Each structure stands twice: as C-alpha cells, then as structure tokens.
N, C-alpha and C. Protein backbone atom coordinates (compact mmCIF):
# COMPACT_ATOMS: atom_id res chain seq x y z
N MET A 1 -0.66 -23.64 28.82
CA MET A 1 -1.68 -23.48 28.16
C MET A 1 -2.31 -24.85 28.46
N ASN A 2 -3.32 -24.78 29.31
CA ASN A 2 -4.30 -26.03 29.71
C ASN A 2 -5.13 -26.40 28.55
N THR A 3 -4.67 -27.67 27.83
CA THR A 3 -5.23 -27.79 26.24
C THR A 3 -6.63 -28.42 26.64
N GLN A 4 -7.26 -28.46 27.91
CA GLN A 4 -8.35 -29.65 28.33
C GLN A 4 -9.42 -27.86 28.74
N LYS A 5 -8.82 -26.91 28.79
CA LYS A 5 -9.56 -25.55 28.63
C LYS A 5 -10.07 -24.94 27.08
N ASN A 6 -9.09 -25.74 26.69
CA ASN A 6 -9.39 -24.92 24.78
C ASN A 6 -10.41 -26.23 24.45
N ILE A 7 -10.64 -26.98 24.31
CA ILE A 7 -11.55 -28.40 24.06
C ILE A 7 -12.79 -27.72 24.44
N LEU A 8 -12.85 -27.73 26.11
CA LEU A 8 -14.38 -27.30 26.55
C LEU A 8 -14.67 -25.68 25.94
N ASN A 9 -13.99 -24.60 26.02
CA ASN A 9 -14.13 -23.53 24.89
C ASN A 9 -14.17 -23.81 23.91
N PRO A 10 -15.05 -24.02 22.80
CA PRO A 10 -14.95 -24.18 21.58
C PRO A 10 -14.16 -22.58 20.77
N THR A 11 -15.12 -21.90 21.24
CA THR A 11 -14.16 -20.54 21.04
C THR A 11 -13.04 -20.01 21.07
N LEU A 12 -12.33 -20.37 22.12
CA LEU A 12 -10.43 -20.32 22.10
C LEU A 12 -9.87 -21.41 20.86
N GLY A 13 -10.86 -22.14 21.50
CA GLY A 13 -10.04 -23.19 20.48
C GLY A 13 -10.21 -23.50 19.16
N LEU A 14 -10.97 -22.67 18.31
CA LEU A 14 -11.01 -22.23 16.98
C LEU A 14 -9.96 -21.44 17.22
N ALA A 15 -9.98 -20.00 17.75
CA ALA A 15 -8.94 -19.18 18.00
C ALA A 15 -7.24 -19.51 17.88
N MET A 16 -7.25 -20.11 18.52
CA MET A 16 -5.65 -21.84 18.28
C MET A 16 -5.33 -22.13 17.23
N LEU A 17 -6.57 -22.71 16.95
CA LEU A 17 -6.68 -23.12 15.33
C LEU A 17 -6.11 -22.53 14.08
N PHE A 18 -7.15 -21.35 14.21
CA PHE A 18 -6.70 -19.84 13.47
C PHE A 18 -5.37 -19.57 13.73
N ALA A 19 -4.92 -19.16 14.82
CA ALA A 19 -3.34 -18.93 15.14
C ALA A 19 -2.20 -20.11 14.61
N SER A 20 -2.94 -21.23 14.93
CA SER A 20 -1.73 -21.93 14.21
C SER A 20 -2.01 -22.21 12.75
N VAL A 21 -2.73 -21.81 12.32
CA VAL A 21 -2.97 -22.22 10.79
C VAL A 21 -1.80 -21.13 9.98
N ALA A 22 -2.18 -19.85 10.68
CA ALA A 22 -1.58 -18.94 10.08
C ALA A 22 -0.27 -18.01 10.84
N ALA A 23 0.17 -19.51 11.77
CA ALA A 23 1.54 -19.50 11.90
C ALA A 23 2.39 -20.27 10.35
N CYS A 24 1.30 -21.30 9.58
CA CYS A 24 2.51 -21.60 8.57
C CYS A 24 2.15 -21.47 7.78
N GLY A 25 1.78 -20.31 7.85
CA GLY A 25 1.33 -19.68 6.27
C GLY A 25 1.77 -18.21 6.39
N ALA A 26 1.81 -17.48 5.41
CA ALA A 26 2.25 -15.87 5.41
C ALA A 26 1.65 -15.14 6.82
N GLU A 27 2.85 -14.64 7.45
CA GLU A 27 2.46 -13.95 8.26
C GLU A 27 1.68 -12.56 8.28
N GLU A 28 0.42 -12.47 9.27
CA GLU A 28 -0.03 -10.81 9.09
C GLU A 28 1.09 -9.73 9.08
N SER A 29 0.77 -8.95 8.23
CA SER A 29 1.63 -7.53 8.50
C SER A 29 1.40 -6.96 9.63
N THR A 30 2.23 -6.29 10.13
CA THR A 30 1.87 -5.19 11.07
C THR A 30 2.14 -3.68 10.44
N LEU A 31 2.07 -3.92 9.78
CA LEU A 31 2.17 -2.43 8.64
C LEU A 31 1.65 -1.62 9.12
N GLN A 32 1.11 -0.06 9.10
CA GLN A 32 0.16 0.49 8.65
C GLN A 32 0.90 1.58 8.21
N LEU A 33 0.02 2.17 6.98
CA LEU A 33 0.37 3.49 6.31
C LEU A 33 -0.68 4.56 6.80
N THR A 34 0.27 5.78 7.20
CA THR A 34 -0.34 6.53 7.97
C THR A 34 -0.47 7.79 7.19
N GLU A 35 -0.71 8.99 7.50
CA GLU A 35 -0.54 10.00 6.80
C GLU A 35 0.98 10.45 6.96
N ASN A 36 1.81 10.31 8.20
CA ASN A 36 3.11 10.21 8.56
C ASN A 36 4.22 9.52 7.43
N GLY A 37 3.61 7.95 6.92
CA GLY A 37 4.54 7.01 6.82
C GLY A 37 4.32 6.02 6.65
N LEU A 38 5.20 5.22 6.38
CA LEU A 38 4.55 3.38 6.98
C LEU A 38 5.72 2.99 7.32
N GLY A 39 5.08 2.28 8.97
CA GLY A 39 5.55 2.34 10.52
C GLY A 39 6.53 3.24 10.42
N ASP A 40 7.56 2.94 10.92
CA ASP A 40 8.42 3.83 11.04
C ASP A 40 9.17 4.50 9.83
N LEU A 41 8.95 4.55 8.76
CA LEU A 41 9.77 4.91 7.65
C LEU A 41 8.65 5.97 7.49
N ASN A 42 9.76 7.79 7.08
CA ASN A 42 8.55 8.42 7.08
C ASN A 42 9.96 9.94 6.40
N SER A 43 9.70 10.32 6.00
CA SER A 43 10.22 11.84 4.97
C SER A 43 11.72 11.66 5.81
N GLY A 44 11.49 11.61 7.40
CA GLY A 44 13.05 12.15 7.56
C GLY A 44 14.29 10.48 7.67
N THR A 45 13.60 9.97 6.91
CA THR A 45 14.42 8.71 6.84
C THR A 45 15.59 9.44 5.54
N SER A 46 16.43 8.52 5.69
CA SER A 46 17.43 8.75 4.19
C SER A 46 16.82 7.77 3.55
N PHE A 47 17.09 7.72 2.46
CA PHE A 47 17.05 7.19 1.25
C PHE A 47 18.12 5.95 0.95
N SER A 48 18.57 5.29 1.52
CA SER A 48 19.22 3.92 1.76
C SER A 48 18.60 2.50 2.17
N VAL A 49 19.30 1.97 2.11
CA VAL A 49 18.88 0.64 2.13
C VAL A 49 18.85 0.69 3.67
N GLU A 50 20.40 1.18 4.05
CA GLU A 50 20.25 0.45 5.33
C GLU A 50 19.34 1.44 6.76
N SER A 51 18.51 2.50 6.12
CA SER A 51 18.25 3.19 6.59
C SER A 51 17.08 2.76 6.74
N ILE A 52 16.29 2.56 5.60
CA ILE A 52 15.31 1.79 5.62
C ILE A 52 14.55 0.39 6.17
N ALA A 53 16.00 -0.41 6.30
CA ALA A 53 16.04 -1.51 7.25
C ALA A 53 15.69 -1.44 8.33
N GLN A 54 16.10 -0.08 8.71
CA GLN A 54 16.48 -0.12 10.46
C GLN A 54 15.18 0.80 10.97
N ALA A 55 14.28 0.90 9.73
CA ALA A 55 13.07 1.24 9.79
C ALA A 55 11.44 0.27 9.70
N LEU A 56 11.67 -0.69 8.94
CA LEU A 56 11.45 -1.72 8.95
C LEU A 56 11.86 -2.88 9.24
N PRO A 57 12.88 -3.61 10.27
CA PRO A 57 14.18 -4.27 10.55
C PRO A 57 12.92 -5.87 10.79
N ASP A 58 12.00 -5.78 10.03
CA ASP A 58 11.26 -7.26 9.66
C ASP A 58 11.20 -7.70 8.03
N PHE A 59 11.79 -6.71 7.38
CA PHE A 59 12.06 -7.42 6.06
C PHE A 59 12.67 -6.73 4.82
N ILE A 60 12.57 -7.45 4.02
CA ILE A 60 13.68 -7.57 3.31
C ILE A 60 13.81 -6.21 2.32
N VAL A 61 14.71 -5.30 2.66
CA VAL A 61 14.82 -4.51 1.65
C VAL A 61 16.18 -4.35 0.59
N THR A 62 16.01 -4.02 -0.61
CA THR A 62 16.92 -3.93 -1.60
C THR A 62 16.51 -2.85 -2.42
N ALA A 63 17.49 -2.61 -2.85
CA ALA A 63 17.89 -0.93 -3.64
C ALA A 63 17.85 -1.31 -5.25
N GLU A 64 16.82 -1.35 -6.15
CA GLU A 64 16.78 -1.65 -7.93
C GLU A 64 16.25 -0.51 -8.84
N ASN A 65 15.83 -0.35 -9.32
CA ASN A 65 15.49 0.25 -10.52
C ASN A 65 14.00 0.02 -10.45
N THR A 66 13.27 0.89 -10.93
CA THR A 66 11.50 1.17 -11.23
C THR A 66 11.70 1.43 -12.71
N TYR A 67 10.81 1.28 -13.54
CA TYR A 67 10.84 1.84 -15.30
C TYR A 67 9.40 2.48 -15.33
N SER A 68 10.03 4.40 -15.82
CA SER A 68 8.76 5.20 -16.16
C SER A 68 8.61 5.33 -17.49
N GLU A 69 8.28 4.88 -18.73
CA GLU A 69 8.36 5.14 -20.25
C GLU A 69 9.65 4.79 -20.83
N GLY A 70 10.64 3.89 -19.95
CA GLY A 70 11.38 3.21 -20.51
C GLY A 70 12.98 3.92 -19.76
N GLU A 71 12.59 4.55 -19.19
CA GLU A 71 13.60 5.25 -18.17
C GLU A 71 13.85 4.89 -16.23
N ALA A 72 15.29 4.95 -15.95
CA ALA A 72 15.33 4.05 -15.06
C ALA A 72 15.13 4.79 -13.86
N TYR A 73 14.84 4.18 -12.96
CA TYR A 73 14.82 5.76 -11.40
C TYR A 73 15.08 4.52 -10.62
N PRO A 74 15.97 5.09 -9.50
CA PRO A 74 16.68 4.37 -8.61
C PRO A 74 14.67 4.18 -7.31
N ALA A 75 15.09 3.42 -6.61
CA ALA A 75 14.01 2.70 -5.81
C ALA A 75 14.59 2.14 -5.20
N ILE A 76 13.79 1.19 -4.03
CA ILE A 76 14.16 0.69 -3.04
C ILE A 76 13.07 -0.37 -2.74
N PHE A 77 12.63 -1.22 -2.74
CA PHE A 77 11.66 -2.20 -2.39
C PHE A 77 11.62 -3.21 -1.08
N VAL A 78 10.89 -3.27 -0.60
CA VAL A 78 10.35 -3.71 0.34
C VAL A 78 9.83 -4.72 0.67
N ARG A 79 10.25 -6.29 0.99
CA ARG A 79 9.79 -7.10 0.65
C ARG A 79 9.09 -8.38 1.95
N ASP A 80 8.57 -9.15 1.59
CA ASP A 80 8.23 -9.45 2.93
C ASP A 80 8.05 -11.30 2.07
N GLY A 81 8.76 -11.73 2.39
CA GLY A 81 9.14 -13.15 1.48
C GLY A 81 9.54 -12.81 0.25
N ASP A 82 8.95 -13.41 -0.37
CA ASP A 82 8.69 -13.09 -1.71
C ASP A 82 7.34 -11.83 -2.02
N VAL A 83 7.25 -11.49 -1.50
CA VAL A 83 5.79 -10.95 -1.55
C VAL A 83 6.03 -9.65 -1.60
N LEU A 84 6.25 -8.17 -2.45
CA LEU A 84 6.14 -7.12 -2.82
C LEU A 84 5.22 -6.72 -1.48
N VAL A 85 6.21 -5.60 -0.99
CA VAL A 85 4.99 -5.24 0.66
C VAL A 85 5.03 -3.48 -0.31
N ALA A 86 6.18 -2.96 -0.52
CA ALA A 86 6.28 -1.67 -1.16
C ALA A 86 7.12 -1.04 -1.79
N GLN A 87 7.25 0.06 -2.73
CA GLN A 87 8.45 0.62 -3.76
C GLN A 87 8.30 1.96 -2.47
N VAL A 88 9.69 2.21 -2.35
CA VAL A 88 10.02 3.81 -2.03
C VAL A 88 11.32 4.33 -2.92
N PHE A 89 10.66 5.67 -3.14
CA PHE A 89 11.47 6.57 -3.58
C PHE A 89 11.70 7.88 -3.29
N PRO A 90 13.18 8.44 -3.60
CA PRO A 90 13.79 9.11 -3.11
C PRO A 90 13.24 11.13 -2.84
N ARG A 91 12.92 11.79 -2.62
CA ARG A 91 12.82 13.02 -2.74
C ARG A 91 12.75 13.90 -4.01
N PHE A 92 12.38 14.78 -4.71
CA PHE A 92 12.83 15.20 -6.16
C PHE A 92 14.39 15.97 -6.23
N GLU A 93 13.79 16.98 -4.37
CA GLU A 93 14.26 18.21 -4.23
C GLU A 93 15.78 17.97 -2.98
N MET A 94 15.17 16.53 -2.51
CA MET A 94 16.54 16.71 -1.44
C MET A 94 16.09 14.71 -1.38
N THR A 95 17.04 13.88 -2.95
CA THR A 95 16.97 13.06 -2.90
C THR A 95 18.00 12.06 -1.66
N SER A 96 18.45 12.48 -1.14
CA SER A 96 18.88 11.69 0.04
C SER A 96 17.95 11.70 1.21
N HIS A 97 16.61 12.19 1.48
CA HIS A 97 15.54 11.40 2.02
C HIS A 97 14.50 10.57 1.45
N VAL A 98 13.65 9.80 2.08
CA VAL A 98 12.79 9.32 1.07
C VAL A 98 11.57 10.28 1.42
N GLY A 99 10.76 10.38 -0.09
CA GLY A 99 9.72 11.19 -0.73
C GLY A 99 8.79 10.91 -0.77
N ALA A 100 8.72 9.25 -1.33
CA ALA A 100 7.00 8.70 -1.93
C ALA A 100 7.36 7.04 -1.49
N ILE A 101 6.11 6.51 -1.22
CA ILE A 101 5.90 5.22 -0.40
C ILE A 101 4.63 4.80 -1.21
N VAL A 102 4.87 3.91 -2.04
CA VAL A 102 4.02 3.10 -3.03
C VAL A 102 3.62 2.13 -2.12
N VAL A 103 2.46 1.26 -1.57
CA VAL A 103 2.32 -0.03 -0.98
C VAL A 103 1.52 -0.88 -1.84
N THR A 104 1.93 -2.34 -2.15
CA THR A 104 1.12 -3.21 -2.83
C THR A 104 0.84 -4.41 -2.40
N ASP A 105 0.80 -4.19 -1.56
CA ASP A 105 0.39 -5.78 -0.33
C ASP A 105 -0.80 -5.64 0.18
N PRO A 106 -1.85 -6.63 0.03
CA PRO A 106 -3.15 -5.75 0.50
C PRO A 106 -3.05 -6.16 2.62
N ARG A 107 -2.18 -6.55 2.44
CA ARG A 107 -1.89 -6.81 4.33
C ARG A 107 -1.65 -5.48 4.78
N VAL A 108 -1.38 -4.60 4.28
CA VAL A 108 -1.25 -2.94 4.51
C VAL A 108 -1.93 -2.18 4.48
N SER A 109 -3.02 -1.76 5.25
CA SER A 109 -4.17 -0.84 5.03
C SER A 109 -3.60 1.19 5.88
N PHE A 110 -4.09 1.91 4.95
CA PHE A 110 -4.28 2.97 5.32
C PHE A 110 -4.89 3.43 6.05
N LYS A 111 -4.60 3.47 7.57
CA LYS A 111 -5.53 3.67 8.49
C LYS A 111 -6.85 2.93 8.65
N GLY A 112 -7.18 1.54 8.48
CA GLY A 112 -7.88 0.70 8.66
C GLY A 112 -9.40 1.67 7.26
N ARG A 113 -8.86 2.80 6.48
CA ARG A 113 -9.27 3.63 5.62
C ARG A 113 -10.04 2.93 4.22
N ALA A 114 -8.76 2.22 3.59
CA ALA A 114 -8.52 1.38 2.51
C ALA A 114 -7.50 0.43 2.65
N SER A 115 -7.94 -0.60 1.57
CA SER A 115 -6.85 -1.68 1.56
C SER A 115 -6.91 -2.07 0.14
N ILE A 116 -5.75 -3.00 -0.76
CA ILE A 116 -5.39 -3.17 -1.29
C ILE A 116 -6.67 -4.26 -2.32
N GLY A 117 -7.14 -4.12 -2.87
CA GLY A 117 -8.22 -4.68 -3.28
C GLY A 117 -9.29 -4.53 -3.06
N GLU A 118 -9.72 -3.19 -2.37
CA GLU A 118 -11.37 -3.30 -1.32
C GLU A 118 -11.87 -2.00 -3.33
N ARG A 119 -13.12 -2.59 -3.05
CA ARG A 119 -14.08 -1.29 -4.09
C ARG A 119 -14.05 -0.20 -3.82
N PHE A 120 -13.95 0.80 -5.07
CA PHE A 120 -14.39 1.75 -4.65
C PHE A 120 -15.67 2.25 -4.14
N ALA A 121 -17.05 1.23 -4.21
CA ALA A 121 -17.92 1.62 -3.25
C ALA A 121 -18.23 1.35 -2.30
N ASP A 122 -16.89 0.09 -1.77
CA ASP A 122 -16.89 -0.17 -0.65
C ASP A 122 -16.35 0.86 0.63
N LEU A 123 -15.72 1.66 -0.15
CA LEU A 123 -15.01 2.18 1.27
C LEU A 123 -15.42 3.07 1.79
N ASP A 124 -15.22 2.88 3.09
CA ASP A 124 -16.14 3.93 4.21
C ASP A 124 -16.04 5.36 3.99
N VAL A 125 -14.50 6.07 3.54
CA VAL A 125 -14.52 7.84 2.87
C VAL A 125 -14.33 7.81 1.84
N LYS A 126 -15.00 7.81 0.95
CA LYS A 126 -14.86 8.22 -0.59
C LYS A 126 -13.54 9.43 -1.11
N PRO A 127 -12.57 9.02 -1.54
CA PRO A 127 -11.37 10.00 -1.76
C PRO A 127 -12.40 11.05 -2.63
N THR A 128 -11.65 12.08 -2.30
CA THR A 128 -12.64 13.64 -2.53
C THR A 128 -12.38 14.11 -3.91
N GLU A 129 -11.27 13.75 -4.68
CA GLU A 129 -10.63 14.62 -6.10
C GLU A 129 -9.95 13.05 -6.60
N CYS A 130 -10.52 12.83 -8.19
CA CYS A 130 -9.54 11.71 -8.93
C CYS A 130 -9.82 12.17 -10.03
N VAL A 131 -8.61 11.98 -10.77
CA VAL A 131 -8.02 12.04 -12.01
C VAL A 131 -7.85 10.80 -12.66
N ALA A 132 -8.30 11.08 -14.20
CA ALA A 132 -7.89 9.98 -15.28
C ALA A 132 -6.24 9.83 -15.32
N GLY A 133 -5.62 8.02 -15.08
CA GLY A 133 -4.46 8.78 -15.37
C GLY A 133 -3.85 8.12 -17.03
N LEU A 134 -2.67 8.60 -17.13
CA LEU A 134 -2.26 9.24 -18.45
C LEU A 134 -1.23 7.65 -19.12
N GLU A 135 -1.15 7.62 -20.00
CA GLU A 135 0.07 7.28 -21.12
C GLU A 135 -0.06 5.93 -20.25
N GLU A 136 1.21 5.57 -19.29
CA GLU A 136 1.77 4.13 -18.79
C GLU A 136 0.36 3.66 -17.37
N ARG A 137 -0.11 5.07 -16.94
CA ARG A 137 -1.52 4.88 -15.70
C ARG A 137 -2.88 4.61 -16.88
N SER A 138 -2.54 4.84 -17.83
CA SER A 138 -4.14 4.45 -18.39
C SER A 138 -5.26 3.70 -18.17
N GLY A 139 -6.15 4.25 -17.48
CA GLY A 139 -7.25 3.32 -17.48
C GLY A 139 -7.19 3.27 -15.83
N LEU A 140 -6.31 3.84 -15.09
CA LEU A 140 -6.66 3.93 -13.73
C LEU A 140 -7.22 5.38 -13.47
N ALA A 141 -7.72 5.10 -11.92
CA ALA A 141 -8.48 6.16 -11.30
C ALA A 141 -7.31 6.59 -10.51
N LEU A 142 -6.89 8.01 -10.41
CA LEU A 142 -5.86 8.28 -9.42
C LEU A 142 -6.55 9.53 -8.22
N CYS A 143 -6.80 8.71 -7.29
CA CYS A 143 -7.54 9.66 -6.20
C CYS A 143 -6.87 10.32 -5.00
N GLN A 144 -7.10 11.06 -4.25
CA GLN A 144 -6.80 11.96 -3.28
C GLN A 144 -7.85 11.45 -2.09
N ASP A 145 -6.89 11.13 -1.03
CA ASP A 145 -8.14 11.01 0.18
C ASP A 145 -8.42 12.92 0.73
N GLY A 146 -9.57 12.67 1.27
CA GLY A 146 -9.66 14.32 1.02
C GLY A 146 -8.93 14.87 2.33
N GLU A 147 -8.90 14.04 3.44
CA GLU A 147 -8.60 14.21 4.69
C GLU A 147 -7.32 14.28 5.04
N PHE A 148 -6.61 13.35 4.15
CA PHE A 148 -4.90 13.47 4.15
C PHE A 148 -4.59 13.71 2.81
N PRO A 149 -3.91 15.06 2.72
CA PRO A 149 -3.79 15.01 1.27
C PRO A 149 -2.22 14.40 1.11
N HIS A 150 -1.31 14.03 1.71
CA HIS A 150 -0.09 13.23 1.37
C HIS A 150 -0.43 11.93 1.13
N VAL A 151 -1.67 11.29 1.02
CA VAL A 151 -2.26 9.87 0.55
C VAL A 151 -2.73 10.10 -0.86
N GLY A 152 -2.72 8.97 -1.72
CA GLY A 152 -3.39 8.77 -2.53
C GLY A 152 -3.58 7.25 -3.14
N LEU A 153 -4.61 7.18 -3.35
CA LEU A 153 -5.56 5.52 -3.98
C LEU A 153 -5.20 5.54 -5.35
N ILE A 154 -4.62 4.32 -5.62
CA ILE A 154 -4.83 4.03 -7.16
C ILE A 154 -5.97 3.47 -7.53
N PHE A 155 -6.93 2.96 -8.13
CA PHE A 155 -7.70 2.47 -8.57
C PHE A 155 -7.93 1.58 -10.35
N GLY A 156 -7.80 0.58 -10.23
CA GLY A 156 -8.13 -0.06 -11.55
C GLY A 156 -9.54 -0.71 -11.56
N GLY A 157 -9.87 -1.12 -12.83
CA GLY A 157 -10.95 -2.06 -13.16
C GLY A 157 -10.82 -2.45 -14.79
N ASN A 158 -11.91 -2.99 -15.51
CA ASN A 158 -12.56 -3.06 -16.19
C ASN A 158 -13.63 -1.65 -17.33
N TRP A 159 -12.59 -1.55 -17.90
CA TRP A 159 -12.79 0.08 -18.50
C TRP A 159 -12.33 0.09 -19.41
N ALA A 160 -12.63 0.11 -20.57
CA ALA A 160 -11.53 0.82 -21.69
C ALA A 160 -12.07 1.77 -22.66
N GLY A 161 -12.57 3.49 -21.92
CA GLY A 161 -12.17 4.75 -22.06
C GLY A 161 -11.32 5.29 -23.09
N PRO A 162 -11.75 6.31 -23.39
CA PRO A 162 -10.21 7.25 -23.89
C PRO A 162 -9.11 7.21 -22.89
N ASP A 163 -7.73 7.24 -22.90
CA ASP A 163 -7.21 7.98 -22.23
C ASP A 163 -7.16 9.08 -21.73
N GLY A 164 -6.98 9.29 -20.91
CA GLY A 164 -6.88 10.45 -19.57
C GLY A 164 -8.85 10.99 -19.24
N GLU A 165 -9.77 10.51 -19.32
CA GLU A 165 -10.78 10.29 -19.19
C GLU A 165 -11.13 9.51 -17.96
N LEU A 166 -11.71 10.00 -16.93
CA LEU A 166 -12.59 8.87 -15.93
C LEU A 166 -13.79 7.98 -16.19
N PRO A 167 -13.73 6.98 -15.83
CA PRO A 167 -14.99 6.27 -16.28
C PRO A 167 -16.47 6.93 -15.61
N PRO A 168 -17.28 6.07 -15.95
CA PRO A 168 -18.71 6.95 -15.42
C PRO A 168 -18.37 6.13 -13.83
N ALA A 169 -19.72 6.90 -12.85
CA ALA A 169 -19.59 6.56 -11.70
C ALA A 169 -20.02 5.40 -11.65
N ASP A 170 -20.94 4.98 -12.08
CA ASP A 170 -21.10 3.28 -11.60
C ASP A 170 -20.03 2.12 -12.12
N ILE A 171 -19.08 2.50 -13.18
CA ILE A 171 -18.27 1.92 -13.11
C ILE A 171 -16.66 1.96 -12.33
N LEU A 172 -16.57 3.66 -12.05
CA LEU A 172 -15.85 3.23 -10.71
C LEU A 172 -15.87 2.79 -9.60
N ASP A 173 -17.23 2.80 -9.13
CA ASP A 173 -17.48 1.80 -7.89
C ASP A 173 -17.38 0.84 -8.16
N GLY A 174 -17.10 -0.25 -9.22
CA GLY A 174 -16.28 -1.81 -9.32
C GLY A 174 -15.07 -1.64 -9.18
N PHE A 175 -14.14 -0.03 -9.48
CA PHE A 175 -12.84 -0.83 -9.12
C PHE A 175 -12.33 -0.95 -8.08
N THR A 176 -11.29 -1.59 -7.68
CA THR A 176 -10.67 -1.37 -6.65
C THR A 176 -9.35 -1.23 -6.70
N VAL A 177 -8.73 -0.62 -5.42
CA VAL A 177 -7.71 0.10 -4.88
C VAL A 177 -6.60 -1.56 -5.54
N LYS A 178 -5.34 -0.65 -5.87
CA LYS A 178 -4.57 -1.39 -6.65
C LYS A 178 -3.13 -1.31 -6.51
N GLU A 179 -3.10 0.40 -5.80
CA GLU A 179 -1.98 1.17 -4.86
C GLU A 179 -2.21 1.97 -4.07
N ILE A 180 -1.55 1.84 -2.61
CA ILE A 180 -1.96 3.25 -2.00
C ILE A 180 -0.68 4.15 -1.87
N SER A 181 -0.75 5.47 -2.01
CA SER A 181 0.80 5.97 -2.32
C SER A 181 0.64 7.37 -1.04
N TRP A 182 2.11 7.54 -0.65
CA TRP A 182 2.10 8.58 0.39
C TRP A 182 3.00 9.42 0.13
N SER A 183 2.88 10.64 -0.13
CA SER A 183 4.28 11.67 -0.49
C SER A 183 4.64 12.26 0.62
N ALA A 184 5.52 12.46 0.35
CA ALA A 184 6.37 13.65 1.64
C ALA A 184 5.69 14.80 1.41
N GLY A 185 5.23 15.09 -0.03
CA GLY A 185 4.30 16.77 0.10
C GLY A 185 2.94 16.29 -0.25
N VAL A 186 2.30 17.26 -0.46
CA VAL A 186 1.03 17.18 -1.18
C VAL A 186 1.11 16.73 -2.34
N LEU A 187 -0.45 15.72 -2.48
CA LEU A 187 -0.01 14.83 -3.93
C LEU A 187 -0.76 16.03 -5.10
C-alpha cells in the first residue's frame, strides 16, 4: 500500500489509523446471533466442549457449572480472552445437544436488532411481550422478540418495584439489554 496516498486521502488515513488502533486492542467479534443460533452453533450441535469449539473456532470454550438457586447446572462458557461472550446450555429433553445460548458480550448483536447495553426506548423493533423476572431475575424484564419466538431480550435498570411486576413504560424505556438469549424451542 502506498503510504503517500494515505496522507493525501484523509478519510483513508483515518480508516487506517482506526484499523491499527483496533488491532492493538480487543478485536471486534464477527459473531451474530440469529433465529438459528450463534454463528455455526445451533440446535444440531452436540453439547460438548469439542463440538462447540469446532463451531466457534476463534474462541476459548470451557465446561463449567452455572448456579441457580444454589444448584449447579452444566454449562459451556465461550470467551474471547477474558471476556465472556456467551453461555451455552443443553436441551432439557435431549441433553446431548445445544438447547440454549445466552449472549452477554456487547460486540455480538441479534441480527442488528438489539445489542447488549442498548436502551429499550432506542430499539428499532420493540419486543412484543415482556414479563417480570422472579427470584434471581427479580427487577428484570424478560421480553420476547415478536418476529423470532426463539429469541429473548433480558432488560435491567433502576427500579425497585414489587417482585414479579414490570416497571411502568417510562421506566422500562430506560432499561438496557443485559442478555440476549436463544432457545432451540419457543421461549
């Protein structure tokens, strides 16, 4: 590449500067959650570290436990360095295959419709149905994307209302996406 041309073309020079800065820091994730899963990871993938690592070759994949109400459940964690990208869970009826994926990395969006950290009010397409989280999920709004019944958006924000009750619409508008979940079955 001719460096002289980069100096003469400020737009290209800035693009090169941003590309070199990005290369020094955390790399952008090329993953995208869709109605079918995360990248090549889907309901046809075996629930094993080896199969998930094969479906997501650029990531660190480890078998770990996750806890709910004090009980341990098997999960497979997908990381980009130290950053948790997603947790993968087996199906209930067929534990040998992937049944759910929970994305927690803001670099992974759901088909450009929603990303971690995005405000409810700023979404181009609003979820059609939301329910209040209970117990460990108290204070969160669990919403379903109306067009894609396999995908859920979990919102959180500042609200200390009663357990099992959604906040008023004006407060929900300020909630942000905390997790994006995909399920092999309808949520």
